[in-house]
Amino acid sequence: MRHFFCLLLLSVWLSLPLAAQREQDFASRYMSLYGGSADLTCTTISPLMMEKMMKLDRLDGNDSLRQVLAQLRSIRVVTGRRTAEAEDLLKKSRELALANHKRYKLYAEADEKSIFVRTRGKVTVEIVLMLKAGGTFVLTDLTGNMTRSFIEELTKLRIQEN
């Protein structure tokens, strides 16, 4: 009986990471809702690509960028190709985040830009930036285990061009 109970606990404990991996991020949810009806593209930088980026020689000496990248698991960028749809796509993205107010909290907002965050305890697990720039809709979704100061550090970065 004791072995059965231990086995049951172990199977529940091992299934938790699998449930977290099946969890849908904001960008994939947005694409499933509106990707068929609008001219949207979604570009993903996967965890494997993030690992490869961390190994780049160009990051040597750029500790700020390395610290930021180390906290990211993936990046998804959703863009709308038609400028006529940009306003509507921005409105829909904002409405989706607000409709999921238990999951996403408004972090900052200005003009036609909004940042929503999803946290677990004190760790930020997702940052969603939605904006209209130059008549184009852009939604950027960052996932990972990010510290509280992550957004501030991200805005301070200066990427050196060679």
Protein backbone atom coordinates (compact mmCIF):
# COMPACT_ATOMS: atom_id res chain seq x y z
CA MET A 1 0.00 0.00 0.00
CA ARG A 2 2.83 2.36 0.86
CA HIS A 3 4.51 1.63 -2.47
CA PHE A 4 1.29 2.32 -4.31
CA PHE A 5 0.91 5.68 -2.56
CA CYS A 6 4.53 6.63 -3.38
CA LEU A 7 4.04 5.61 -7.00
CA LEU A 8 0.87 7.68 -7.21
CA LEU A 9 2.62 10.75 -5.78
CA LEU A 10 5.56 10.28 -8.11
CA SER A 11 3.31 10.05 -11.19
CA VAL A 12 1.44 13.23 -10.20
CA TRP A 13 4.71 15.05 -9.54
CA LEU A 14 6.15 13.98 -12.90
CA SER A 15 3.02 15.00 -14.81
CA LEU A 16 3.15 18.62 -13.59
CA PRO A 17 5.89 19.72 -16.03
CA LEU A 18 3.97 18.08 -18.88
CA ALA A 19 0.86 20.09 -18.02
CA ALA A 20 2.92 23.27 -17.97
CA GLN A 21 4.34 22.48 -21.42
CA ARG A 22 0.83 22.04 -22.84
CA GLU A 23 -0.17 25.45 -21.52
CA GLN A 24 -0.98 27.82 -24.37
CA ASP A 25 0.83 31.16 -24.46
CA PHE A 26 -0.88 34.38 -25.50
CA ALA A 27 0.49 34.44 -29.06
CA SER A 28 -0.61 30.90 -29.87
CA ARG A 29 -4.06 31.56 -28.39
CA TYR A 30 -4.35 34.78 -30.41
CA MET A 31 -3.32 32.96 -33.59
CA SER A 32 -5.85 30.17 -32.97
CA LEU A 33 -8.62 32.75 -32.58
CA TYR A 34 -7.74 35.27 -35.30
CA GLY A 35 -5.07 33.69 -37.51
CA GLY A 36 -7.59 32.27 -39.96
CA SER A 37 -9.59 35.44 -40.40
CA ALA A 38 -6.75 37.97 -40.61
CA ASP A 39 -3.51 38.13 -42.56
CA LEU A 40 -1.22 37.28 -39.62
CA THR A 41 2.20 35.67 -39.41
CA CYS A 42 3.75 34.20 -36.29
CA THR A 43 7.50 33.80 -35.97
CA THR A 44 8.84 31.71 -33.09
CA ILE A 45 12.29 31.61 -31.56
CA SER A 46 12.25 28.25 -29.82
CA PRO A 47 14.01 27.20 -26.62
CA LEU A 48 16.61 25.36 -28.73
CA MET A 49 17.36 28.53 -30.70
CA MET A 50 17.58 30.50 -27.44
CA GLU A 51 20.22 28.02 -26.22
CA LYS A 52 22.19 28.48 -29.44
CA MET A 53 22.00 32.27 -29.08
CA MET A 54 23.48 32.01 -25.58
CA LYS A 55 26.55 30.30 -27.07
CA LEU A 56 27.28 33.06 -29.60
CA ASP A 57 30.68 34.74 -29.35
CA ARG A 58 29.02 38.12 -29.95
CA LEU A 59 27.54 37.92 -26.45
CA ASP A 60 30.98 37.84 -24.84
CA GLY A 61 31.39 41.05 -22.89
CA ASN A 62 27.68 41.95 -23.14
CA ASP A 63 26.59 40.68 -19.74
CA SER A 64 23.31 42.63 -19.74
CA LEU A 65 22.13 40.97 -22.92
CA ARG A 66 23.32 37.55 -21.72
CA GLN A 67 21.38 37.97 -18.44
CA VAL A 68 18.21 38.89 -20.32
CA LEU A 69 18.49 36.00 -22.79
CA ALA A 70 19.17 33.53 -19.98
CA GLN A 71 15.74 34.26 -18.52
CA LEU A 72 13.85 33.68 -21.78
CA ARG A 73 12.44 30.36 -22.90
CA SER A 74 10.87 31.46 -26.19
CA ILE A 75 9.87 34.50 -28.19
CA ARG A 76 6.89 34.72 -30.53
CA VAL A 77 6.21 37.68 -32.76
CA VAL A 78 2.81 37.99 -34.42
CA THR A 79 2.52 40.60 -37.16
CA GLY A 80 -0.40 41.77 -39.24
CA ARG A 81 0.45 42.37 -42.87
CA ARG A 82 -2.43 44.69 -43.73
CA THR A 83 -2.34 48.19 -42.33
CA ALA A 84 -6.13 48.44 -42.66
CA GLU A 85 -6.51 45.65 -40.06
CA ALA A 86 -3.92 46.95 -37.59
CA GLU A 87 -6.30 48.91 -35.39
CA ASP A 88 -8.80 46.05 -35.18
CA LEU A 89 -6.07 43.48 -34.45
CA LEU A 90 -4.68 45.67 -31.67
CA LYS A 91 -8.15 46.06 -30.18
CA LYS A 92 -8.74 42.29 -30.30
CA SER A 93 -5.40 41.54 -28.62
CA ARG A 94 -6.15 43.98 -25.82
CA GLU A 95 -9.68 42.58 -25.38
CA LEU A 96 -8.30 39.02 -25.19
CA ALA A 97 -5.85 40.00 -22.45
CA LEU A 98 -8.51 41.89 -20.50
CA ALA A 99 -10.96 38.99 -20.86
CA ASN A 100 -8.31 36.80 -19.21
CA HIS A 101 -7.72 39.25 -16.35
CA LYS A 102 -6.98 36.46 -13.86
CA ARG A 103 -4.11 35.30 -16.03
CA TYR A 104 -2.79 38.56 -17.56
CA LYS A 105 -2.33 41.81 -15.67
CA LEU A 106 -1.84 45.18 -17.34
CA TYR A 107 1.71 46.33 -16.60
CA ALA A 108 1.91 49.53 -18.66
CA GLU A 109 0.01 51.35 -21.36
CA ALA A 110 0.71 54.38 -23.55
CA ASP A 111 -0.74 55.56 -26.86
CA GLU A 112 -1.24 52.44 -28.97
CA LYS A 113 1.02 50.20 -26.85
CA SER A 114 0.17 47.85 -23.99
CA ILE A 115 2.25 45.48 -21.90
CA PHE A 116 0.57 42.62 -20.04
CA VAL A 117 2.34 40.18 -17.73
CA ARG A 118 1.56 36.75 -16.37
CA THR A 119 3.19 35.78 -13.10
CA ARG A 120 3.50 32.78 -10.84
CA GLY A 121 4.38 33.96 -7.38
CA LYS A 122 7.20 36.45 -7.77
CA VAL A 123 8.35 35.12 -11.13
CA THR A 124 7.12 36.59 -14.40
CA VAL A 125 6.48 33.72 -16.82
CA GLU A 126 5.13 35.71 -19.76
CA ILE A 127 5.33 39.26 -21.07
CA VAL A 128 3.03 40.35 -23.90
CA LEU A 129 3.72 43.58 -25.76
CA MET A 130 1.06 44.67 -28.23
CA LEU A 131 1.37 47.76 -30.39
CA LYS A 132 0.65 49.45 -33.66
CA ALA A 133 3.82 50.84 -35.24
CA GLY A 134 3.92 52.48 -38.63
CA GLY A 135 0.42 51.21 -39.34
CA THR A 136 1.40 47.60 -38.63
CA PHE A 137 0.13 45.44 -35.77
CA VAL A 138 2.88 43.72 -33.77
CA LEU A 139 2.40 41.38 -30.81
CA THR A 140 5.55 40.18 -29.05
CA ASP A 141 5.22 37.34 -26.53
CA LEU A 142 8.18 36.50 -24.27
CA THR A 143 8.03 33.37 -22.12
CA GLY A 144 10.48 32.14 -19.51
CA ASN A 145 11.30 32.58 -15.85
CA MET A 146 11.91 36.28 -15.59
CA THR A 147 12.74 38.28 -12.49
CA ARG A 148 10.83 41.32 -11.37
CA SER A 149 13.49 43.64 -12.81
CA PHE A 150 13.42 41.89 -16.19
CA ILE A 151 11.29 44.51 -17.97
CA GLU A 152 13.43 47.35 -16.69
CA GLU A 153 16.62 45.54 -17.71
CA LEU A 154 15.14 44.78 -21.12
CA THR A 155 14.41 48.44 -21.77
CA LYS A 156 17.97 49.45 -20.79
CA LEU A 157 19.71 47.11 -23.26
CA ARG A 158 21.96 48.55 -25.92
CA ILE A 159 22.78 45.99 -28.58
CA GLN A 160 26.10 46.80 -30.15
CA GLU A 161 26.22 46.76 -33.93
CA ASN A 162 29.41 45.66 -35.67
